[in-house]
Structure formats: C-alpha cells, structure tokens
Amino acid sequence: MQTKRLRQAKEEAEKEAALYRSNWETEHQKTLDETNGNSGLTAGRLEEETEAKIQNLKNSASKVQSDIADMLVNYVTAIRIRAESRSCVRHRLKASASNLIVR
C-alpha cells in the first residue's frame, strides 16, 4: 500500500513538473516573440528618427551655407589684405632705409 501511494505521488509530481515546464516554455516563447517583434518596430522607429534628424541637419546647413561662404571669403580677403599691407610696409621700410644710406 505504501509503495502504491509512493508511485502515485511520483506520477503526480512528474505530471505537475511537466505542466510547469510546458507553461514556462510557452511563456518564454511568447516573451521571445514579443521581444523580436518589438525589436523590429524599434529598429523601424529608430531609422525614421535618424532620417528625420539627417533631413533637419541638411535643412539647417542649407540655410546657413551662404553665410558661411561669405564669412570664409571675408576671412580670406582680410588675410590677403593684411599680408599685402605688411608687404607694402616692408617695401617702404626697405626703400626708406636705402634712401637713408644713399643720402
């Protein structure tokens, strides 16, 4: 009688363990499916956000492009004028020095 009861308890425990394992595997698979589905949605959303940000940067750059070009031209021109004025000053100094020596 005791062995019969032990055998019955063992069978019940095995059934309960199998049911628990089955439920766990089902829940785990559901979680994996949701995660994989969400990652696809997340990737799509991130791609859309990235494209929107790139377009925003392109629009911002095109708005200030002419200002930047003007600023660069002014900077280069200012450097060229300074270099030429320094060259003129050097030339004048050399001319003055040679005039002093000649006199």
PDB file of N, CA and C in Angstrom:
ATOM      1  N   MET A   1       0.789  -1.182   0.000  1.00  0.00           N
ATOM      2  CA  MET A   1       0.000   0.000   0.000  1.00  0.00           C
ATOM      3  C   MET A   1       0.850   1.273   0.000  1.00  0.00           C
ATOM      4  N   GLN A   2       1.894   1.225   0.785  1.00  0.00           N
ATOM      5  CA  GLN A   2       2.783   2.387   0.850  1.00  0.00           C
ATOM      6  C   GLN A   2       3.490   2.584  -0.486  1.00  0.00           C
ATOM      7  N   THR A   3       3.927   1.521  -1.138  1.00  0.00           N
ATOM      8  CA  THR A   3       4.581   1.644  -2.440  1.00  0.00           C
ATOM      9  C   THR A   3       3.609   2.164  -3.489  1.00  0.00           C
ATOM     10  N   LYS A   4       2.350   1.742  -3.383  1.00  0.00           N
ATOM     11  CA  LYS A   4       1.334   2.236  -4.314  1.00  0.00           C
ATOM     12  C   LYS A   4       1.162   3.745  -4.134  1.00  0.00           C
ATOM     13  N   ARG A   5       1.110   4.193  -2.914  1.00  0.00           N
ATOM     14  CA  ARG A   5       0.964   5.633  -2.632  1.00  0.00           C
ATOM     15  C   ARG A   5       2.201   6.402  -3.089  1.00  0.00           C
ATOM     16  N   LEU A   6       3.392   5.849  -2.900  1.00  0.00           N
ATOM     17  CA  LEU A   6       4.630   6.499  -3.361  1.00  0.00           C
ATOM     18  C   LEU A   6       4.647   6.607  -4.887  1.00  0.00           C
ATOM     19  N   ARG A   7       4.244   5.521  -5.542  1.00  0.00           N
ATOM     20  CA  ARG A   7       4.198   5.523  -7.005  1.00  0.00           C
ATOM     21  C   ARG A   7       3.209   6.576  -7.496  1.00  0.00           C
ATOM     22  N   GLN A   8       2.065   6.666  -6.856  1.00  0.00           N
ATOM     23  CA  GLN A   8       1.046   7.647  -7.233  1.00  0.00           C
ATOM     24  C   GLN A   8       1.570   9.072  -7.000  1.00  0.00           C
ATOM     25  N   ALA A   9       2.243   9.310  -5.901  1.00  0.00           N
ATOM     26  CA  ALA A   9       2.814  10.636  -5.611  1.00  0.00           C
ATOM     27  C   ALA A   9       3.881  10.995  -6.640  1.00  0.00           C
ATOM     28  N   LYS A  10       4.692   9.998  -7.009  1.00  0.00           N
ATOM     29  CA  LYS A  10       5.735  10.234  -8.018  1.00  0.00           C
ATOM     30  C   LYS A  10       5.104  10.618  -9.350  1.00  0.00           C
ATOM     31  N   GLU A  11       4.066   9.919  -9.766  1.00  0.00           N
ATOM     32  CA  GLU A  11       3.393  10.218 -11.030  1.00  0.00           C
ATOM     33  C   GLU A  11       2.768  11.611 -10.999  1.00  0.00           C
ATOM     34  N   GLU A  12       2.157  11.967  -9.880  1.00  0.00           N
ATOM     35  CA  GLU A  12       1.564  13.303  -9.752  1.00  0.00           C
ATOM     36  C   GLU A  12       2.642  14.387  -9.822  1.00  0.00           C
ATOM     37  N   ALA A  13       3.763  14.139  -9.179  1.00  0.00           N
ATOM     38  CA  ALA A  13       4.867  15.109  -9.197  1.00  0.00           C
ATOM     39  C   ALA A  13       5.426  15.261 -10.608  1.00  0.00           C
ATOM     40  N   GLU A  14       5.553  14.153 -11.325  1.00  0.00           N
ATOM     41  CA  GLU A  14       6.059  14.212 -12.703  1.00  0.00           C
ATOM     42  C   GLU A  14       5.089  14.977 -13.606  1.00  0.00           C
ATOM     43  N   LYS A  15       3.774  14.734 -13.431  1.00  0.00           N
ATOM     44  CA  LYS A  15       2.775  15.458 -14.223  1.00  0.00           C
ATOM     45  C   LYS A  15       2.829  16.956 -13.920  1.00  0.00           C
ATOM     46  N   GLU A  16       2.938  17.274 -12.630  1.00  0.00           N
ATOM     47  CA  GLU A  16       2.998  18.680 -12.223  1.00  0.00           C
ATOM     48  C   GLU A  16       4.261  19.356 -12.777  1.00  0.00           C
ATOM     49  N   ALA A  17       5.385  18.646 -12.745  1.00  0.00           N
ATOM     50  CA  ALA A  17       6.639  19.192 -13.278  1.00  0.00           C
ATOM     51  C   ALA A  17       6.536  19.388 -14.790  1.00  0.00           C
ATOM     52  N   ALA A  18       5.920  18.423 -15.482  1.00  0.00           N
ATOM     53  CA  ALA A  18       5.755  18.537 -16.930  1.00  0.00           C
ATOM     54  C   ALA A  18       4.845  19.707 -17.278  1.00  0.00           C
ATOM     55  N   LEU A  19       3.772  19.892 -16.516  1.00  0.00           N
ATOM     56  CA  LEU A  19       2.860  21.006 -16.744  1.00  0.00           C
ATOM     57  C   LEU A  19       3.568  22.342 -16.506  1.00  0.00           C
ATOM     58  N   TYR A  20       4.340  22.417 -15.415  1.00  0.00           N
ATOM     59  CA  TYR A  20       5.092  23.641 -15.108  1.00  0.00           C
ATOM     60  C   TYR A  20       6.086  23.953 -16.229  1.00  0.00           C
ATOM     61  N   ARG A  21       6.815  22.924 -16.686  1.00  0.00           N
ATOM     62  CA  ARG A  21       7.797  23.095 -17.758  1.00  0.00           C
ATOM     63  C   ARG A  21       7.116  23.564 -19.037  1.00  0.00           C
ATOM     64  N   SER A  22       5.982  22.977 -19.357  1.00  0.00           N
ATOM     65  CA  SER A  22       5.239  23.352 -20.558  1.00  0.00           C
ATOM     66  C   SER A  22       4.772  24.803 -20.479  1.00  0.00           C
ATOM     67  N   ASN A  23       4.210  25.185 -19.326  1.00  0.00           N
ATOM     68  CA  ASN A  23       3.766  26.576 -19.150  1.00  0.00           C
ATOM     69  C   ASN A  23       4.939  27.549 -19.235  1.00  0.00           C
ATOM     70  N   TRP A  24       6.046  27.178 -18.610  1.00  0.00           N
ATOM     71  CA  TRP A  24       7.227  28.049 -18.628  1.00  0.00           C
ATOM     72  C   TRP A  24       7.738  28.230 -20.054  1.00  0.00           C
ATOM     73  N   GLU A  25       7.821  27.120 -20.805  1.00  0.00           N
ATOM     74  CA  GLU A  25       8.296  27.195 -22.187  1.00  0.00           C
ATOM     75  C   GLU A  25       7.358  28.036 -23.045  1.00  0.00           C
ATOM     76  N   THR A  26       6.052  27.903 -22.830  1.00  0.00           N
ATOM     77  CA  THR A  26       5.078  28.700 -23.579  1.00  0.00           C
ATOM     78  C   THR A  26       5.261  30.188 -23.284  1.00  0.00           C
ATOM     79  N   GLU A  27       5.367  30.530 -22.006  1.00  0.00           N
ATOM     80  CA  GLU A  27       5.572  31.932 -21.619  1.00  0.00           C
ATOM     81  C   GLU A  27       6.902  32.463 -22.154  1.00  0.00           C
ATOM     82  N   HIS A  28       7.917  31.640 -22.079  1.00  0.00           N
ATOM     83  CA  HIS A  28       9.236  32.061 -22.573  1.00  0.00           C
ATOM     84  C   HIS A  28       9.184  32.321 -24.079  1.00  0.00           C
ATOM     85  N   GLN A  29       8.541  31.438 -24.811  1.00  0.00           N
ATOM     86  CA  GLN A  29       8.431  31.616 -26.261  1.00  0.00           C
ATOM     87  C   GLN A  29       7.622  32.865 -26.590  1.00  0.00           C
ATOM     88  N   LYS A  30       6.555  33.110 -25.822  1.00  0.00           N
ATOM     89  CA  LYS A  30       5.744  34.308 -26.037  1.00  0.00           C
ATOM     90  C   LYS A  30       6.590  35.563 -25.806  1.00  0.00           C
ATOM     91  N   THR A  31       7.386  35.541 -24.742  1.00  0.00           N
ATOM     92  CA  THR A  31       8.263  36.678 -24.442  1.00  0.00           C
ATOM     93  C   THR A  31       9.272  36.895 -25.561  1.00  0.00           C
ATOM     94  N   LEU A  32       9.848  35.811 -26.064  1.00  0.00           N
ATOM     95  CA  LEU A  32      10.800  35.928 -27.174  1.00  0.00           C
ATOM     96  C   LEU A  32      10.133  36.501 -28.419  1.00  0.00           C
ATOM     97  N   ASP A  33       8.931  36.020 -28.718  1.00  0.00           N
ATOM     98  CA  ASP A  33       8.208  36.524 -29.885  1.00  0.00           C
ATOM     99  C   ASP A  33       7.908  38.014 -29.747  1.00  0.00           C
ATOM    100  N   GLU A  34       7.485  38.429 -28.550  1.00  0.00           N
ATOM    101  CA  GLU A  34       7.203  39.849 -28.330  1.00  0.00           C
ATOM    102  C   GLU A  34       8.465  40.683 -28.454  1.00  0.00           C
ATOM    103  N   THR A  35       9.554  40.173 -27.909  1.00  0.00           N
ATOM    104  CA  THR A  35      10.825  40.899 -27.970  1.00  0.00           C
ATOM    105  C   THR A  35      11.291  41.038 -29.412  1.00  0.00           C
ATOM    106  N   ASN A  36      11.212  39.956 -30.167  1.00  0.00           N
ATOM    107  CA  ASN A  36      11.632  40.019 -31.568  1.00  0.00           C
ATOM    108  C   ASN A  36      10.736  40.951 -32.365  1.00  0.00           C
ATOM    109  N   GLY A  37       9.454  40.915 -32.094  1.00  0.00           N
ATOM    110  CA  GLY A  37       8.529  41.822 -32.773  1.00  0.00           C
ATOM    111  C   GLY A  37       8.806  43.261 -32.415  1.00  0.00           C
ATOM    112  N   ASN A  38       9.073  43.518 -31.139  1.00  0.00           N
ATOM    113  CA  ASN A  38       9.368  44.877 -30.686  1.00  0.00           C
ATOM    114  C   ASN A  38      10.685  45.381 -31.244  1.00  0.00           C
ATOM    115  N   SER A  39      11.657  44.496 -31.389  1.00  0.00           N
ATOM    116  CA  SER A  39      12.943  44.953 -31.912  1.00  0.00           C
ATOM    117  C   SER A  39      12.798  45.394 -33.363  1.00  0.00           C
ATOM    118  N   GLY A  40      11.925  44.729 -34.111  1.00  0.00           N
ATOM    119  CA  GLY A  40      11.675  45.160 -35.482  1.00  0.00           C
ATOM    120  C   GLY A  40      11.013  46.521 -35.517  1.00  0.00           C
ATOM    121  N   LEU A  41      10.052  46.728 -34.619  1.00  0.00           N
ATOM    122  CA  LEU A  41       9.384  48.030 -34.536  1.00  0.00           C
ATOM    123  C   LEU A  41      10.356  49.101 -34.068  1.00  0.00           C
ATOM    124  N   THR A  42      11.185  48.750 -33.102  1.00  0.00           N
ATOM    125  CA  THR A  42      12.160  49.704 -32.578  1.00  0.00           C
ATOM    126  C   THR A  42      13.156  50.094 -33.659  1.00  0.00           C
ATOM    127  N   ALA A  43      13.617  49.119 -34.423  1.00  0.00           N
ATOM    128  CA  ALA A  43      14.564  49.413 -35.498  1.00  0.00           C
ATOM    129  C   ALA A  43      13.926  50.333 -36.531  1.00  0.00           C
ATOM    130  N   GLY A  44      12.686  50.077 -36.874  1.00  0.00           N
ATOM    131  CA  GLY A  44      11.988  50.937 -37.832  1.00  0.00           C
ATOM    132  C   GLY A  44      11.811  52.344 -37.303  1.00  0.00           C
ATOM    133  N   ARG A  45      11.440  52.453 -36.028  1.00  0.00           N
ATOM    134  CA  ARG A  45      11.260  53.772 -35.410  1.00  0.00           C
ATOM    135  C   ARG A  45      12.588  54.522 -35.359  1.00  0.00           C
ATOM    136  N   LEU A  46      13.660  53.820 -34.987  1.00  0.00           N
ATOM    137  CA  LEU A  46      14.974  54.468 -34.937  1.00  0.00           C
ATOM    138  C   LEU A  46      15.420  54.932 -36.320  1.00  0.00           C
ATOM    139  N   GLU A  47      15.135  54.132 -37.326  1.00  0.00           N
ATOM    140  CA  GLU A  47      15.504  54.514 -38.689  1.00  0.00           C
ATOM    141  C   GLU A  47      14.748  55.774 -39.114  1.00  0.00           C
ATOM    142  N   GLU A  48      13.461  55.836 -38.798  1.00  0.00           N
ATOM    143  CA  GLU A  48      12.672  57.028 -39.135  1.00  0.00           C
ATOM    144  C   GLU A  48      13.195  58.262 -38.401  1.00  0.00           C
ATOM    145  N   GLU A  49      13.507  58.093 -37.112  1.00  0.00           N
ATOM    146  CA  GLU A  49      14.033  59.224 -36.342  1.00  0.00           C
ATOM    147  C   GLU A  49      15.373  59.691 -36.898  1.00  0.00           C
ATOM    148  N   THR A  50      16.212  58.744 -37.279  1.00  0.00           N
ATOM    149  CA  THR A  50      17.520  59.090 -37.836  1.00  0.00           C
ATOM    150  C   THR A  50      17.366  59.850 -39.140  1.00  0.00           C
ATOM    151  N   GLU A  51      16.490  59.373 -40.004  1.00  0.00           N
ATOM    152  CA  GLU A  51      16.264  60.058 -41.276  1.00  0.00           C
ATOM    153  C   GLU A  51      15.728  61.469 -41.045  1.00  0.00           C
ATOM    154  N   ALA A  52      14.830  61.620 -40.078  1.00  0.00           N
ATOM    155  CA  ALA A  52      14.280  62.948 -39.775  1.00  0.00           C
ATOM    156  C   ALA A  52      15.378  63.882 -39.268  1.00  0.00           C
ATOM    157  N   LYS A  53      16.256  63.372 -38.423  1.00  0.00           N
ATOM    158  CA  LYS A  53      17.352  64.201 -37.906  1.00  0.00           C
ATOM    159  C   LYS A  53      18.334  64.577 -39.009  1.00  0.00           C
ATOM    160  N   ILE A  54      18.627  63.639 -39.898  1.00  0.00           N
ATOM    161  CA  ILE A  54      19.524  63.934 -41.025  1.00  0.00           C
ATOM    162  C   ILE A  54      18.912  65.016 -41.902  1.00  0.00           C
ATOM    163  N   GLN A  55      17.627  64.895 -42.191  1.00  0.00           N
ATOM    164  CA  GLN A  55      16.955  65.898 -43.020  1.00  0.00           C
ATOM    165  C   GLN A  55      16.964  67.254 -42.325  1.00  0.00           C
ATOM    166  N   ASN A  56      16.763  67.267 -41.021  1.00  0.00           N
ATOM    167  CA  ASN A  56      16.789  68.505 -40.249  1.00  0.00           C
ATOM    168  C   ASN A  56      18.171  69.157 -40.332  1.00  0.00           C
ATOM    169  N   LEU A  57      19.224  68.348 -40.205  1.00  0.00           N
ATOM    170  CA  LEU A  57      20.589  68.879 -40.313  1.00  0.00           C
ATOM    171  C   LEU A  57      20.863  69.426 -41.713  1.00  0.00           C
ATOM    172  N   LYS A  58      20.391  68.719 -42.733  1.00  0.00           N
ATOM    173  CA  LYS A  58      20.585  69.199 -44.106  1.00  0.00           C
ATOM    174  C   LYS A  58      19.877  70.531 -44.315  1.00  0.00           C
ATOM    175  N   ASN A  59      18.656  70.645 -43.803  1.00  0.00           N
ATOM    176  CA  ASN A  59      17.913  71.901 -43.932  1.00  0.00           C
ATOM    177  C   ASN A  59      18.624  73.032 -43.205  1.00  0.00           C
ATOM    178  N   SER A  60      19.102  72.758 -41.995  1.00  0.00           N
ATOM    179  CA  SER A  60      19.817  73.783 -41.228  1.00  0.00           C
ATOM    180  C   SER A  60      21.089  74.209 -41.952  1.00  0.00           C
ATOM    181  N   ALA A  61      21.807  73.241 -42.503  1.00  0.00           N
ATOM    182  CA  ALA A  61      23.052  73.551 -43.208  1.00  0.00           C
ATOM    183  C   ALA A  61      22.781  74.376 -44.459  1.00  0.00           C
ATOM    184  N   SER A  62      21.718  74.050 -45.179  1.00  0.00           N
ATOM    185  CA  SER A  62      21.431  74.804 -46.400  1.00  0.00           C
ATOM    186  C   SER A  62      21.022  76.241 -46.083  1.00  0.00           C
ATOM    187  N   LYS A  63      20.412  76.462 -44.907  1.00  0.00           N
ATOM    188  CA  LYS A  63      20.014  77.823 -44.526  1.00  0.00           C
ATOM    189  C   LYS A  63      21.221  78.710 -44.251  1.00  0.00           C
ATOM    190  N   VAL A  64      22.281  78.160 -43.688  1.00  0.00           N
ATOM    191  CA  VAL A  64      23.439  78.974 -43.311  1.00  0.00           C
ATOM    192  C   VAL A  64      24.614  78.825 -44.277  1.00  0.00           C
ATOM    193  N   GLN A  65      24.424  78.057 -45.329  1.00  0.00           N
ATOM    194  CA  GLN A  65      25.512  77.789 -46.271  1.00  0.00           C
ATOM    195  C   GLN A  65      26.064  79.076 -46.882  1.00  0.00           C
ATOM    196  N   SER A  66      25.201  79.962 -47.333  1.00  0.00           N
ATOM    197  CA  SER A  66      25.680  81.195 -47.965  1.00  0.00           C
ATOM    198  C   SER A  66      26.368  82.093 -46.943  1.00  0.00           C
ATOM    199  N   ASP A  67      25.861  82.125 -45.713  1.00  0.00           N
ATOM    200  CA  ASP A  67      26.510  82.922 -44.667  1.00  0.00           C
ATOM    201  C   ASP A  67      27.917  82.405 -44.379  1.00  0.00           C
ATOM    202  N   ILE A  68      28.064  81.106 -44.324  1.00  0.00           N
ATOM    203  CA  ILE A  68      29.384  80.524 -44.067  1.00  0.00           C
ATOM    204  C   ILE A  68      30.329  80.822 -45.220  1.00  0.00           C
ATOM    205  N   ALA A  69      29.834  80.712 -46.455  1.00  0.00           N
ATOM    206  CA  ALA A  69      30.677  81.017 -47.614  1.00  0.00           C
ATOM    207  C   ALA A  69      31.122  82.479 -47.576  1.00  0.00           C
ATOM    208  N   ASP A  70      30.204  83.386 -47.262  1.00  0.00           N
ATOM    209  CA  ASP A  70      30.562  84.808 -47.160  1.00  0.00           C
ATOM    210  C   ASP A  70      31.593  85.037 -46.061  1.00  0.00           C
ATOM    211  N   MET A  71      31.410  84.383 -44.938  1.00  0.00           N
ATOM    212  CA  MET A  71      32.339  84.533 -43.826  1.00  0.00           C
ATOM    213  C   MET A  71      33.737  84.051 -44.228  1.00  0.00           C
ATOM    214  N   LEU A  72      33.814  82.925 -44.929  1.00  0.00           N
ATOM    215  CA  LEU A  72      35.113  82.413 -45.370  1.00  0.00           C
ATOM    216  C   LEU A  72      35.770  83.351 -46.376  1.00  0.00           C
ATOM    217  N   VAL A  73      34.984  83.875 -47.308  1.00  0.00           N
ATOM    218  CA  VAL A  73      35.532  84.818 -48.292  1.00  0.00           C
ATOM    219  C   VAL A  73      36.062  86.057 -47.583  1.00  0.00           C
ATOM    220  N   ASN A  74      35.305  86.589 -46.630  1.00  0.00           N
ATOM    221  CA  ASN A  74      35.765  87.760 -45.881  1.00  0.00           C
ATOM    222  C   ASN A  74      37.040  87.462 -45.112  1.00  0.00           C
ATOM    223  N   TYR A  75      37.127  86.290 -44.519  1.00  0.00           N
ATOM    224  CA  TYR A  75      38.311  85.919 -43.753  1.00  0.00           C
ATOM    225  C   TYR A  75      39.531  85.822 -44.663  1.00  0.00           C
ATOM    226  N   VAL A  76      39.375  85.145 -45.795  1.00  0.00           N
ATOM    227  CA  VAL A  76      40.492  85.002 -46.739  1.00  0.00           C
ATOM    228  C   VAL A  76      40.894  86.364 -47.282  1.00  0.00           C
ATOM    229  N   THR A  77      39.924  87.191 -47.604  1.00  0.00           N
ATOM    230  CA  THR A  77      40.217  88.528 -48.121  1.00  0.00           C
ATOM    231  C   THR A  77      40.939  89.357 -47.068  1.00  0.00           C
ATOM    232  N   ALA A  78      40.509  89.269 -45.824  1.00  0.00           N
ATOM    233  CA  ALA A  78      41.155  90.030 -44.752  1.00  0.00           C
ATOM    234  C   ALA A  78      42.595  89.586 -44.572  1.00  0.00           C
ATOM    235  N   ILE A  79      42.847  88.311 -44.654  1.00  0.00           N
ATOM    236  CA  ILE A  79      44.224  87.814 -44.534  1.00  0.00           C
ATOM    237  C   ILE A  79      45.056  88.314 -45.704  1.00  0.00           C
ATOM    238  N   ARG A  80      44.496  88.272 -46.914  1.00  0.00           N
ATOM    239  CA  ARG A  80      45.226  88.716 -48.095  1.00  0.00           C
ATOM    240  C   ARG A  80      45.553  90.208 -47.976  1.00  0.00           C
ATOM    241  N   ILE A  81      44.593  91.005 -47.505  1.00  0.00           N
ATOM    242  CA  ILE A  81      44.821  92.447 -47.355  1.00  0.00           C
ATOM    243  C   ILE A  81      45.902  92.690 -46.313  1.00  0.00           C
ATOM    244  N   ARG A  82      45.863  91.984 -45.201  1.00  0.00           N
ATOM    245  CA  ARG A  82      46.891  92.147 -44.173  1.00  0.00           C
ATOM    246  C   ARG A  82      48.260  91.777 -44.715  1.00  0.00           C
ATOM    247  N   ALA A  83      48.319  90.674 -45.444  1.00  0.00           N
ATOM    248  CA  ALA A  83      49.603  90.242 -45.993  1.00  0.00           C
ATOM    249  C   ALA A  83      50.130  91.277 -46.978  1.00  0.00           C
ATOM    250  N   GLU A  84      49.246  91.814 -47.814  1.00  0.00           N
ATOM    251  CA  GLU A  84      49.681  92.821 -48.782  1.00  0.00           C
ATOM    252  C   GLU A  84      50.108  94.102 -48.073  1.00  0.00           C
ATOM    253  N   SER A  85      49.388  94.491 -47.028  1.00  0.00           N
ATOM    254  CA  SER A  85      49.761  95.720 -46.323  1.00  0.00           C
ATOM    255  C   SER A  85      51.088  95.534 -45.603  1.00  0.00           C
ATOM    256  N   ARG A  86      51.330  94.367 -45.051  1.00  0.00           N
ATOM    257  CA  ARG A  86      52.627  94.108 -44.423  1.00  0.00           C
ATOM    258  C   ARG A  86      53.730  94.137 -45.469  1.00  0.00           C
ATOM    259  N   SER A  87      53.434  93.596 -46.633  1.00  0.00           N
ATOM    260  CA  SER A  87      54.421  93.603 -47.711  1.00  0.00           C
ATOM    261  C   SER A  87      54.735  95.036 -48.126  1.00  0.00           C
ATOM    262  N   CYS A  88      53.699  95.871 -48.205  1.00  0.00           N
ATOM    263  CA  CYS A  88      53.906  97.277 -48.563  1.00  0.00           C
ATOM    264  C   CYS A  88      54.724  97.987 -47.493  1.00  0.00           C
ATOM    265  N   VAL A  89      54.437  97.706 -46.238  1.00  0.00           N
ATOM    266  CA  VAL A  89      55.184  98.335 -45.145  1.00  0.00           C
ATOM    267  C   VAL A  89      56.640  97.911 -45.216  1.00  0.00           C
ATOM    268  N   ARG A  90      56.903  96.653 -45.450  1.00  0.00           N
ATOM    269  CA  ARG A  90      58.287  96.180 -45.572  1.00  0.00           C
ATOM    270  C   ARG A  90      58.979  96.863 -46.746  1.00  0.00           C
ATOM    271  N   HIS A  91      58.258  96.950 -47.852  1.00  0.00           N
ATOM    272  CA  HIS A  91      58.833  97.574 -49.036  1.00  0.00           C
ATOM    273  C   HIS A  91      59.178  99.041 -48.748  1.00  0.00           C
ATOM    274  N   ARG A  92      58.265  99.732 -48.067  1.00  0.00           N
ATOM    275  CA  ARG A  92      58.520 101.135 -47.718  1.00  0.00           C
ATOM    276  C   ARG A  92      59.698 101.259 -46.764  1.00  0.00           C
ATOM    277  N   LEU A  93      59.771 100.354 -45.794  1.00  0.00           N
ATOM    278  CA  LEU A  93      60.891 100.396 -44.855  1.00  0.00           C
ATOM    279  C   LEU A  93      62.214 100.169 -45.577  1.00  0.00           C
ATOM    280  N   LYS A  94      62.222  99.227 -46.495  1.00  0.00           N
ATOM    281  CA  LYS A  94      63.448  98.978 -47.256  1.00  0.00           C
ATOM    282  C   LYS A  94      63.805 100.193 -48.098  1.00  0.00           C
ATOM    283  N   ALA A  95      62.798 100.799 -48.696  1.00  0.00           N
ATOM    284  CA  ALA A  95      63.050 101.986 -49.524  1.00  0.00           C
ATOM    285  C   ALA A  95      63.564 103.127 -48.661  1.00  0.00           C
ATOM    286  N   SER A  96      62.972 103.293 -47.486  1.00  0.00           N
ATOM    287  CA  SER A  96      63.423 104.355 -46.579  1.00  0.00           C
ATOM    288  C   SER A  96      64.842 104.092 -46.122  1.00  0.00           C
ATOM    289  N   ALA A  97      65.139 102.862 -45.820  1.00  0.00           N
ATOM    290  CA  ALA A  97      66.483 102.518 -45.363  1.00  0.00           C
ATOM    291  C   ALA A  97      67.493 102.749 -46.471  1.00  0.00           C
ATOM    292  N   SER A  98      67.132 102.388 -47.685  1.00  0.00           N
ATOM    293  CA  SER A  98      68.080 102.596 -48.782  1.00  0.00           C
ATOM    294  C   SER A  98      68.245 104.081 -49.077  1.00  0.00           C
ATOM    295  N   ASN A  99      67.193 104.869 -48.887  1.00  0.00           N
ATOM    296  CA  ASN A  99      67.300 106.319 -49.066  1.00  0.00           C
ATOM    297  C   ASN A  99      68.215 106.919 -48.010  1.00  0.00           C
ATOM    298  N   LEU A 100      68.133 106.405 -46.799  1.00  0.00           N
ATOM    299  CA  LEU A 100      68.989 106.918 -45.732  1.00  0.00           C
ATOM    300  C   LEU A 100      70.450 106.598 -46.017  1.00  0.00           C
ATOM    301  N   ILE A 101      70.678 105.424 -46.530  1.00  0.00           N
ATOM    302  CA  ILE A 101      72.052 105.021 -46.812  1.00  0.00           C
ATOM    303  C   ILE A 101      72.593 105.802 -47.995  1.00  0.00           C
ATOM    304  N   VAL A 102      71.795 106.024 -48.996  1.00  0.00           N
ATOM    305  CA  VAL A 102      72.227 106.721 -50.199  1.00  0.00           C
ATOM    306  C   VAL A 102      72.495 108.178 -49.890  1.00  0.00           C
ATOM    307  N   ARG A 103      71.757 108.800 -49.076  1.00  0.00           N
ATOM    308  CA  ARG A 103      71.914 110.221 -48.794  1.00  0.00           C
ATOM    309  C   ARG A 103      73.130 110.463 -48.065  1.00  0.00           C
TER     310      ARG A 103
END
